[in-house]
Amino acid sequence: MRKTQIEYTLTAPFTYTNGGRQCAATKLVMTAPCNKHSKYTCYLKSVVAKSLITIRKNQAVLVGDDVVEDKTPVSDKASDDDSGITGGIVTYGMYADDSVDMEKVSHMFCSLLCSDLCTIDDTKENMTTAYYNLISAHDSEEILGEYLANFLQPSLFYTKKT
């Protein structure tokens, strides 16, 4: 079964106001997009597909922090429920592809999260652009990769089981 929600623990918490009191944001709860988010997801999914093509052209797979040569297609490594493609691999592929405009990816992803798909901690406080701008660069790149790997990339490899 596909995931409908993921949590990300921030490596650099930020401070925000909730109900008139200062709070430290320590985690984000993100939900899967639906068709109403296609304005953002169609573009982001095309970027993910390009990044996977870049990885396959280079026939490289990330293992930990290292890039290693590997002739086995990524999809051949996948289990029935998981393609084996991590957020780090997706992010690596996007940065490795010169045709990907990472600034546009970042803006589209911020807009997607701020369109009701992300709450802060266990509150019902929705992510806003102002809050998103407080997230560290490291956390925002990891969040981007994990979100795309968990919610947009799986449908590129989806095959209905009979």
N, C-alpha and C. Protein backbone atom coordinates (compact mmCIF):
# COMPACT_ATOMS: atom_id res chain seq x y z
N MET A 1 0.84 -1.18 0.00
CA MET A 1 0.00 0.00 0.00
C MET A 1 0.89 1.25 0.00
N ARG A 2 0.49 2.23 -0.72
CA ARG A 2 1.24 3.48 -0.81
C ARG A 2 1.08 4.31 0.45
N LYS A 3 2.14 5.04 0.75
CA LYS A 3 2.10 5.94 1.90
C LYS A 3 1.16 7.10 1.62
N THR A 4 0.49 7.56 2.66
CA THR A 4 -0.37 8.74 2.53
C THR A 4 0.17 9.89 3.36
N GLN A 5 1.16 9.59 4.21
CA GLN A 5 1.72 10.62 5.08
C GLN A 5 3.15 10.24 5.47
N ILE A 6 4.01 11.22 5.57
CA ILE A 6 5.36 11.00 6.08
C ILE A 6 5.68 12.11 7.07
N GLU A 7 6.59 11.80 7.99
CA GLU A 7 7.07 12.78 8.95
C GLU A 7 8.55 13.01 8.72
N TYR A 8 8.97 14.24 8.89
CA TYR A 8 10.38 14.57 8.76
C TYR A 8 10.79 15.34 10.01
N THR A 9 11.82 14.85 10.69
CA THR A 9 12.36 15.53 11.87
C THR A 9 13.42 16.52 11.40
N LEU A 10 13.21 17.77 11.72
CA LEU A 10 14.12 18.83 11.31
C LEU A 10 15.46 18.71 12.03
N THR A 11 16.55 18.87 11.30
CA THR A 11 17.87 18.86 11.93
C THR A 11 18.18 20.23 12.54
N ALA A 12 17.48 21.25 12.04
CA ALA A 12 17.63 22.61 12.56
C ALA A 12 16.23 23.18 12.81
N PRO A 13 15.68 22.96 14.01
CA PRO A 13 14.35 23.48 14.32
C PRO A 13 14.27 25.00 14.12
N PHE A 14 13.07 25.48 13.83
CA PHE A 14 12.86 26.93 13.71
C PHE A 14 11.74 27.34 14.65
N THR A 15 11.67 28.64 14.94
CA THR A 15 10.67 29.16 15.86
C THR A 15 9.50 29.75 15.07
N TYR A 16 8.29 29.44 15.53
CA TYR A 16 7.09 29.99 14.90
C TYR A 16 6.07 30.32 15.98
N THR A 17 5.04 31.05 15.62
CA THR A 17 4.00 31.44 16.57
C THR A 17 2.75 30.62 16.30
N ASN A 18 2.21 30.02 17.37
CA ASN A 18 0.99 29.22 17.26
C ASN A 18 0.09 29.61 18.43
N GLY A 19 -1.06 30.19 18.10
CA GLY A 19 -2.00 30.60 19.15
C GLY A 19 -1.42 31.66 20.07
N GLY A 20 -0.58 32.54 19.53
CA GLY A 20 -0.01 33.62 20.31
C GLY A 20 1.21 33.24 21.13
N ARG A 21 1.65 32.00 21.04
CA ARG A 21 2.84 31.60 21.80
C ARG A 21 3.94 31.13 20.86
N GLN A 22 5.18 31.34 21.27
CA GLN A 22 6.33 30.92 20.50
C GLN A 22 6.54 29.42 20.65
N CYS A 23 6.74 28.75 19.53
CA CYS A 23 6.97 27.30 19.53
C CYS A 23 8.20 27.00 18.69
N ALA A 24 8.85 25.90 19.03
CA ALA A 24 9.99 25.43 18.23
C ALA A 24 9.50 24.30 17.35
N ALA A 25 9.59 24.49 16.05
CA ALA A 25 9.19 23.44 15.11
C ALA A 25 10.28 22.39 15.07
N THR A 26 9.92 21.14 15.33
CA THR A 26 10.91 20.06 15.32
C THR A 26 10.63 19.03 14.23
N LYS A 27 9.38 18.97 13.77
CA LYS A 27 9.08 18.02 12.69
C LYS A 27 7.98 18.56 11.80
N LEU A 28 7.95 18.03 10.59
CA LEU A 28 6.90 18.37 9.63
C LEU A 28 6.13 17.10 9.32
N VAL A 29 4.82 17.22 9.19
CA VAL A 29 3.97 16.10 8.81
C VAL A 29 3.42 16.44 7.43
N MET A 30 3.80 15.62 6.45
CA MET A 30 3.43 15.90 5.06
C MET A 30 2.52 14.81 4.53
N THR A 31 1.49 15.22 3.80
CA THR A 31 0.54 14.26 3.23
C THR A 31 0.69 14.21 1.72
N ALA A 32 0.22 13.11 1.17
CA ALA A 32 0.31 12.89 -0.27
C ALA A 32 -0.59 13.87 -1.03
N PRO A 33 -0.17 14.28 -2.20
CA PRO A 33 -0.99 15.18 -3.00
C PRO A 33 -2.14 14.44 -3.67
N CYS A 34 -3.13 15.20 -4.11
CA CYS A 34 -4.22 14.63 -4.90
C CYS A 34 -4.34 15.44 -6.19
N ASN A 35 -5.33 15.16 -6.98
CA ASN A 35 -5.46 15.80 -8.29
C ASN A 35 -5.52 17.33 -8.22
N LYS A 36 -6.06 17.88 -7.14
CA LYS A 36 -6.15 19.34 -7.06
C LYS A 36 -4.77 19.99 -6.98
N HIS A 37 -3.73 19.21 -6.71
CA HIS A 37 -2.37 19.72 -6.63
C HIS A 37 -1.58 19.53 -7.93
N SER A 38 -2.26 19.11 -8.99
CA SER A 38 -1.56 18.77 -10.24
C SER A 38 -0.81 19.96 -10.84
N LYS A 39 -1.24 21.17 -10.52
CA LYS A 39 -0.53 22.37 -10.99
C LYS A 39 0.95 22.31 -10.59
N TYR A 40 1.23 21.68 -9.45
CA TYR A 40 2.60 21.55 -8.96
C TYR A 40 3.18 20.16 -9.24
N THR A 41 2.37 19.15 -9.04
CA THR A 41 2.90 17.78 -9.13
C THR A 41 3.29 17.37 -10.54
N CYS A 42 2.60 17.86 -11.54
CA CYS A 42 2.95 17.49 -12.93
C CYS A 42 4.36 17.97 -13.26
N TYR A 43 4.66 19.20 -12.91
CA TYR A 43 6.00 19.73 -13.16
C TYR A 43 7.04 18.96 -12.35
N LEU A 44 6.79 18.77 -11.06
CA LEU A 44 7.76 18.10 -10.19
C LEU A 44 7.97 16.65 -10.61
N LYS A 45 6.91 15.98 -11.04
CA LYS A 45 7.07 14.60 -11.48
C LYS A 45 7.92 14.52 -12.75
N SER A 46 7.78 15.49 -13.64
CA SER A 46 8.61 15.49 -14.85
C SER A 46 10.08 15.69 -14.49
N VAL A 47 10.35 16.50 -13.47
CA VAL A 47 11.72 16.70 -13.01
C VAL A 47 12.27 15.41 -12.41
N VAL A 48 11.44 14.70 -11.64
CA VAL A 48 11.87 13.42 -11.06
C VAL A 48 12.20 12.44 -12.18
N ALA A 49 11.36 12.37 -13.19
CA ALA A 49 11.60 11.46 -14.31
C ALA A 49 12.92 11.81 -15.01
N LYS A 50 13.17 13.10 -15.24
CA LYS A 50 14.43 13.52 -15.84
C LYS A 50 15.62 13.12 -14.97
N SER A 51 15.47 13.29 -13.67
CA SER A 51 16.59 12.96 -12.78
C SER A 51 16.88 11.47 -12.79
N LEU A 52 15.85 10.65 -12.89
CA LEU A 52 16.06 9.20 -12.95
C LEU A 52 16.73 8.80 -14.26
N ILE A 53 16.37 9.49 -15.35
CA ILE A 53 17.01 9.23 -16.64
C ILE A 53 18.49 9.60 -16.54
N THR A 54 18.79 10.73 -15.91
CA THR A 54 20.18 11.16 -15.74
C THR A 54 20.97 10.11 -14.96
N ILE A 55 20.38 9.61 -13.90
CA ILE A 55 21.05 8.58 -13.10
C ILE A 55 21.29 7.33 -13.94
N ARG A 56 20.30 6.91 -14.69
CA ARG A 56 20.46 5.70 -15.50
C ARG A 56 21.47 5.89 -16.63
N LYS A 57 21.50 7.08 -17.23
CA LYS A 57 22.48 7.35 -18.28
C LYS A 57 23.89 7.23 -17.72
N ASN A 58 24.07 7.72 -16.51
CA ASN A 58 25.37 7.64 -15.88
C ASN A 58 25.60 6.27 -15.26
N GLN A 59 24.55 5.46 -15.23
CA GLN A 59 24.57 4.13 -14.61
C GLN A 59 25.20 4.19 -13.23
N ALA A 60 24.78 5.18 -12.48
CA ALA A 60 25.30 5.34 -11.13
C ALA A 60 24.15 5.25 -10.14
N VAL A 61 24.44 4.70 -9.00
CA VAL A 61 23.47 4.60 -7.92
C VAL A 61 24.16 5.10 -6.66
N LEU A 62 23.46 5.88 -5.86
CA LEU A 62 24.04 6.36 -4.61
C LEU A 62 23.98 5.26 -3.56
N VAL A 63 25.09 5.07 -2.88
CA VAL A 63 25.15 4.15 -1.75
C VAL A 63 25.74 4.96 -0.61
N GLY A 64 24.89 5.29 0.36
CA GLY A 64 25.35 6.18 1.42
C GLY A 64 25.70 7.51 0.82
N ASP A 65 26.91 7.96 1.06
CA ASP A 65 27.36 9.24 0.52
C ASP A 65 28.18 9.07 -0.75
N ASP A 66 28.33 7.83 -1.22
CA ASP A 66 29.18 7.56 -2.38
C ASP A 66 28.35 7.24 -3.62
N VAL A 67 28.88 7.63 -4.76
CA VAL A 67 28.29 7.26 -6.04
C VAL A 67 29.11 6.09 -6.55
N VAL A 68 28.45 4.97 -6.85
CA VAL A 68 29.18 3.80 -7.33
C VAL A 68 28.63 3.37 -8.67
N GLU A 69 29.47 2.79 -9.50
CA GLU A 69 29.04 2.27 -10.79
C GLU A 69 28.22 1.02 -10.56
N ASP A 70 27.16 0.87 -11.30
CA ASP A 70 26.30 -0.29 -11.14
C ASP A 70 25.54 -0.48 -12.44
N LYS A 71 25.63 -1.65 -13.03
CA LYS A 71 24.98 -1.91 -14.31
C LYS A 71 23.54 -2.40 -14.15
N THR A 72 23.10 -2.67 -12.92
CA THR A 72 21.74 -3.17 -12.70
C THR A 72 20.76 -2.01 -12.68
N PRO A 73 19.73 -2.03 -13.52
CA PRO A 73 18.75 -0.95 -13.50
C PRO A 73 18.13 -0.82 -12.11
N VAL A 74 17.86 0.42 -11.71
CA VAL A 74 17.30 0.68 -10.39
C VAL A 74 16.03 -0.12 -10.17
N SER A 75 15.16 -0.20 -11.18
CA SER A 75 13.89 -0.91 -11.00
C SER A 75 14.09 -2.40 -10.74
N ASP A 76 15.22 -2.97 -11.18
CA ASP A 76 15.49 -4.39 -10.90
C ASP A 76 15.84 -4.63 -9.45
N LYS A 77 16.21 -3.59 -8.72
CA LYS A 77 16.56 -3.72 -7.31
C LYS A 77 15.34 -3.54 -6.43
N ALA A 78 14.25 -3.14 -7.00
CA ALA A 78 13.08 -2.78 -6.21
C ALA A 78 12.38 -4.00 -5.64
N SER A 79 11.85 -3.80 -4.44
CA SER A 79 10.98 -4.82 -3.87
C SER A 79 9.59 -4.60 -4.44
N ASP A 80 8.63 -5.41 -4.04
CA ASP A 80 7.27 -5.24 -4.56
C ASP A 80 6.65 -3.92 -4.14
N ASP A 81 7.03 -3.40 -2.96
CA ASP A 81 6.40 -2.20 -2.43
C ASP A 81 7.23 -0.94 -2.60
N ASP A 82 8.50 -1.07 -2.99
CA ASP A 82 9.39 0.08 -2.97
C ASP A 82 10.35 -0.01 -4.15
N SER A 83 10.55 1.09 -4.83
CA SER A 83 11.45 1.09 -5.98
C SER A 83 12.91 1.09 -5.55
N GLY A 84 13.18 1.34 -4.29
CA GLY A 84 14.55 1.42 -3.82
C GLY A 84 15.17 2.77 -4.07
N ILE A 85 14.41 3.70 -4.59
CA ILE A 85 14.93 5.03 -4.89
C ILE A 85 14.64 5.95 -3.70
N THR A 86 15.71 6.48 -3.13
CA THR A 86 15.59 7.32 -1.94
C THR A 86 15.50 8.79 -2.32
N GLY A 87 15.19 9.60 -1.33
CA GLY A 87 15.17 11.04 -1.54
C GLY A 87 16.52 11.57 -1.96
N GLY A 88 17.59 11.00 -1.41
CA GLY A 88 18.94 11.43 -1.78
C GLY A 88 19.25 11.15 -3.24
N ILE A 89 18.78 10.02 -3.73
CA ILE A 89 19.00 9.68 -5.14
C ILE A 89 18.24 10.65 -6.04
N VAL A 90 16.99 10.94 -5.68
CA VAL A 90 16.19 11.87 -6.48
C VAL A 90 16.86 13.25 -6.51
N THR A 91 17.27 13.73 -5.34
CA THR A 91 17.91 15.04 -5.27
C THR A 91 19.22 15.06 -6.05
N TYR A 92 20.01 14.01 -5.91
CA TYR A 92 21.27 13.91 -6.67
C TYR A 92 20.99 14.00 -8.17
N GLY A 93 20.00 13.26 -8.63
CA GLY A 93 19.67 13.26 -10.06
C GLY A 93 19.24 14.62 -10.55
N MET A 94 18.49 15.36 -9.72
CA MET A 94 18.05 16.69 -10.13
C MET A 94 19.24 17.64 -10.26
N TYR A 95 20.14 17.59 -9.29
CA TYR A 95 21.31 18.46 -9.36
C TYR A 95 22.27 18.05 -10.47
N ALA A 96 22.31 16.77 -10.78
CA ALA A 96 23.22 16.27 -11.82
C ALA A 96 22.73 16.60 -13.23
N ASP A 97 21.45 16.89 -13.37
CA ASP A 97 20.87 17.19 -14.69
C ASP A 97 20.88 18.70 -14.92
N ASP A 98 21.71 19.16 -15.84
CA ASP A 98 21.84 20.59 -16.11
C ASP A 98 20.55 21.24 -16.60
N SER A 99 19.64 20.44 -17.12
CA SER A 99 18.40 21.02 -17.66
C SER A 99 17.37 21.30 -16.56
N VAL A 100 17.63 20.84 -15.34
CA VAL A 100 16.68 21.05 -14.24
C VAL A 100 16.96 22.40 -13.58
N ASP A 101 15.93 23.22 -13.53
CA ASP A 101 16.02 24.53 -12.88
C ASP A 101 15.67 24.34 -11.40
N MET A 102 16.70 24.17 -10.56
CA MET A 102 16.47 23.87 -9.15
C MET A 102 15.79 25.02 -8.41
N GLU A 103 15.98 26.24 -8.86
CA GLU A 103 15.28 27.35 -8.22
C GLU A 103 13.77 27.21 -8.46
N LYS A 104 13.38 26.86 -9.67
CA LYS A 104 11.97 26.66 -9.98
C LYS A 104 11.43 25.46 -9.22
N VAL A 105 12.21 24.39 -9.13
CA VAL A 105 11.79 23.21 -8.37
C VAL A 105 11.52 23.61 -6.93
N SER A 106 12.42 24.38 -6.34
CA SER A 106 12.26 24.82 -4.95
C SER A 106 11.00 25.65 -4.77
N HIS A 107 10.76 26.57 -5.67
CA HIS A 107 9.55 27.41 -5.58
C HIS A 107 8.27 26.58 -5.75
N MET A 108 8.28 25.68 -6.71
CA MET A 108 7.10 24.83 -6.93
C MET A 108 6.84 23.93 -5.72
N PHE A 109 7.92 23.40 -5.15
CA PHE A 109 7.76 22.53 -3.99
C PHE A 109 7.24 23.31 -2.79
N CYS A 110 7.76 24.50 -2.58
CA CYS A 110 7.25 25.36 -1.49
C CYS A 110 5.76 25.62 -1.69
N SER A 111 5.37 25.96 -2.89
CA SER A 111 3.94 26.22 -3.18
C SER A 111 3.10 24.97 -2.94
N LEU A 112 3.63 23.82 -3.31
CA LEU A 112 2.91 22.57 -3.09
C LEU A 112 2.70 22.32 -1.60
N LEU A 113 3.77 22.39 -0.82
CA LEU A 113 3.64 22.14 0.62
C LEU A 113 2.70 23.15 1.28
N CYS A 114 2.76 24.39 0.84
CA CYS A 114 1.95 25.44 1.45
C CYS A 114 0.50 25.43 0.97
N SER A 115 0.15 24.47 0.13
CA SER A 115 -1.22 24.40 -0.38
C SER A 115 -2.04 23.38 0.42
N ASP A 116 -1.73 23.20 1.67
CA ASP A 116 -2.46 22.38 2.65
C ASP A 116 -1.92 20.96 2.82
N LEU A 117 -0.69 20.71 2.39
CA LEU A 117 -0.14 19.36 2.47
C LEU A 117 0.88 19.17 3.58
N CYS A 118 1.12 20.21 4.37
CA CYS A 118 2.16 20.10 5.40
C CYS A 118 1.72 20.85 6.65
N THR A 119 1.84 20.16 7.79
CA THR A 119 1.60 20.81 9.07
C THR A 119 2.88 20.73 9.90
N ILE A 120 2.95 21.63 10.86
CA ILE A 120 4.13 21.72 11.70
C ILE A 120 3.88 20.98 13.01
N ASP A 121 4.82 20.12 13.38
CA ASP A 121 4.73 19.31 14.59
C ASP A 121 3.39 18.58 14.62
N ASP A 122 2.80 18.45 15.79
CA ASP A 122 1.52 17.74 15.89
C ASP A 122 0.36 18.72 15.97
N THR A 123 0.62 19.96 15.61
CA THR A 123 -0.43 20.98 15.62
C THR A 123 -1.18 20.91 14.29
N LYS A 124 -2.14 21.73 14.16
CA LYS A 124 -2.85 21.85 12.88
C LYS A 124 -2.36 23.09 12.14
N GLU A 125 -1.20 23.60 12.57
CA GLU A 125 -0.62 24.80 11.95
C GLU A 125 -0.09 24.43 10.57
N ASN A 126 -0.71 24.99 9.53
CA ASN A 126 -0.29 24.71 8.17
C ASN A 126 1.02 25.42 7.83
N MET A 127 1.79 24.77 6.98
CA MET A 127 3.02 25.37 6.46
C MET A 127 2.62 26.59 5.63
N THR A 128 3.37 27.66 5.80
CA THR A 128 3.19 28.87 4.99
C THR A 128 4.53 29.20 4.35
N THR A 129 4.52 30.09 3.38
CA THR A 129 5.77 30.50 2.75
C THR A 129 6.71 31.12 3.79
N ALA A 130 6.15 31.90 4.72
CA ALA A 130 6.99 32.52 5.76
C ALA A 130 7.66 31.45 6.62
N TYR A 131 6.93 30.41 6.99
CA TYR A 131 7.53 29.32 7.78
C TYR A 131 8.53 28.54 6.93
N TYR A 132 8.18 28.27 5.68
CA TYR A 132 9.07 27.51 4.80
C TYR A 132 10.43 28.21 4.67
N ASN A 133 10.40 29.53 4.60
CA ASN A 133 11.64 30.30 4.48
C ASN A 133 12.53 30.21 5.71
N LEU A 134 11.98 29.73 6.83
CA LEU A 134 12.76 29.56 8.06
C LEU A 134 13.46 28.20 8.12
N ILE A 135 13.10 27.29 7.24
CA ILE A 135 13.69 25.95 7.23
C ILE A 135 15.11 26.04 6.68
N SER A 136 16.04 25.31 7.31
CA SER A 136 17.43 25.35 6.85
C SER A 136 17.54 24.80 5.44
N ALA A 137 18.58 25.20 4.72
CA ALA A 137 18.80 24.73 3.34
C ALA A 137 18.96 23.21 3.33
N HIS A 138 19.68 22.67 4.30
CA HIS A 138 19.88 21.22 4.39
C HIS A 138 18.54 20.50 4.56
N ASP A 139 17.74 20.96 5.51
CA ASP A 139 16.44 20.33 5.74
C ASP A 139 15.54 20.45 4.51
N SER A 140 15.53 21.63 3.87
CA SER A 140 14.62 21.80 2.73
C SER A 140 14.99 20.87 1.58
N GLU A 141 16.28 20.64 1.35
CA GLU A 141 16.68 19.70 0.28
C GLU A 141 16.31 18.27 0.64
N GLU A 142 16.49 17.89 1.90
CA GLU A 142 16.10 16.54 2.32
C GLU A 142 14.60 16.35 2.25
N ILE A 143 13.84 17.36 2.66
CA ILE A 143 12.39 17.30 2.61
C ILE A 143 11.93 17.14 1.16
N LEU A 144 12.50 17.93 0.28
CA LEU A 144 12.18 17.85 -1.15
C LEU A 144 12.40 16.43 -1.66
N GLY A 145 13.59 15.89 -1.44
CA GLY A 145 13.90 14.56 -1.93
C GLY A 145 12.99 13.49 -1.36
N GLU A 146 12.76 13.53 -0.05
CA GLU A 146 11.92 12.51 0.59
C GLU A 146 10.47 12.61 0.10
N TYR A 147 9.97 13.82 -0.04
CA TYR A 147 8.59 13.99 -0.51
C TYR A 147 8.44 13.44 -1.93
N LEU A 148 9.35 13.83 -2.81
CA LEU A 148 9.27 13.37 -4.19
C LEU A 148 9.45 11.86 -4.29
N ALA A 149 10.39 11.31 -3.53
CA ALA A 149 10.64 9.86 -3.56
C ALA A 149 9.46 9.07 -3.01
N ASN A 150 8.78 9.61 -2.02
CA ASN A 150 7.67 8.88 -1.40
C ASN A 150 6.33 9.07 -2.10
N PHE A 151 6.10 10.24 -2.67
CA PHE A 151 4.77 10.51 -3.20
C PHE A 151 4.69 10.66 -4.72
N LEU A 152 5.71 11.16 -5.39
CA LEU A 152 5.61 11.37 -6.83
C LEU A 152 6.33 10.31 -7.64
N GLN A 153 7.49 9.90 -7.21
CA GLN A 153 8.28 8.91 -7.95
C GLN A 153 7.61 7.54 -8.02
N PRO A 154 6.93 7.04 -6.97
CA PRO A 154 6.38 5.68 -7.06
C PRO A 154 5.43 5.45 -8.24
N SER A 155 4.67 6.46 -8.63
CA SER A 155 3.73 6.24 -9.73
C SER A 155 4.43 6.10 -11.08
N LEU A 156 5.70 6.51 -11.15
CA LEU A 156 6.46 6.32 -12.39
C LEU A 156 6.74 4.83 -12.63
N PHE A 157 6.77 4.05 -11.54
CA PHE A 157 7.09 2.63 -11.64
C PHE A 157 5.89 1.76 -11.29
N TYR A 158 4.74 2.36 -11.04
CA TYR A 158 3.59 1.60 -10.57
C TYR A 158 3.09 0.61 -11.61
N THR A 159 2.92 -0.61 -11.17
CA THR A 159 2.28 -1.62 -12.01
C THR A 159 1.23 -2.28 -11.14
N LYS A 160 0.03 -2.29 -11.61
CA LYS A 160 -1.06 -2.88 -10.83
C LYS A 160 -0.87 -4.38 -10.75
N LYS A 161 -0.94 -4.89 -9.52
CA LYS A 161 -0.79 -6.33 -9.32
C LYS A 161 -2.12 -7.01 -9.58
N THR A 162 -2.06 -8.15 -10.25
CA THR A 162 -3.32 -8.84 -10.57
C THR A 162 -3.53 -10.00 -9.64
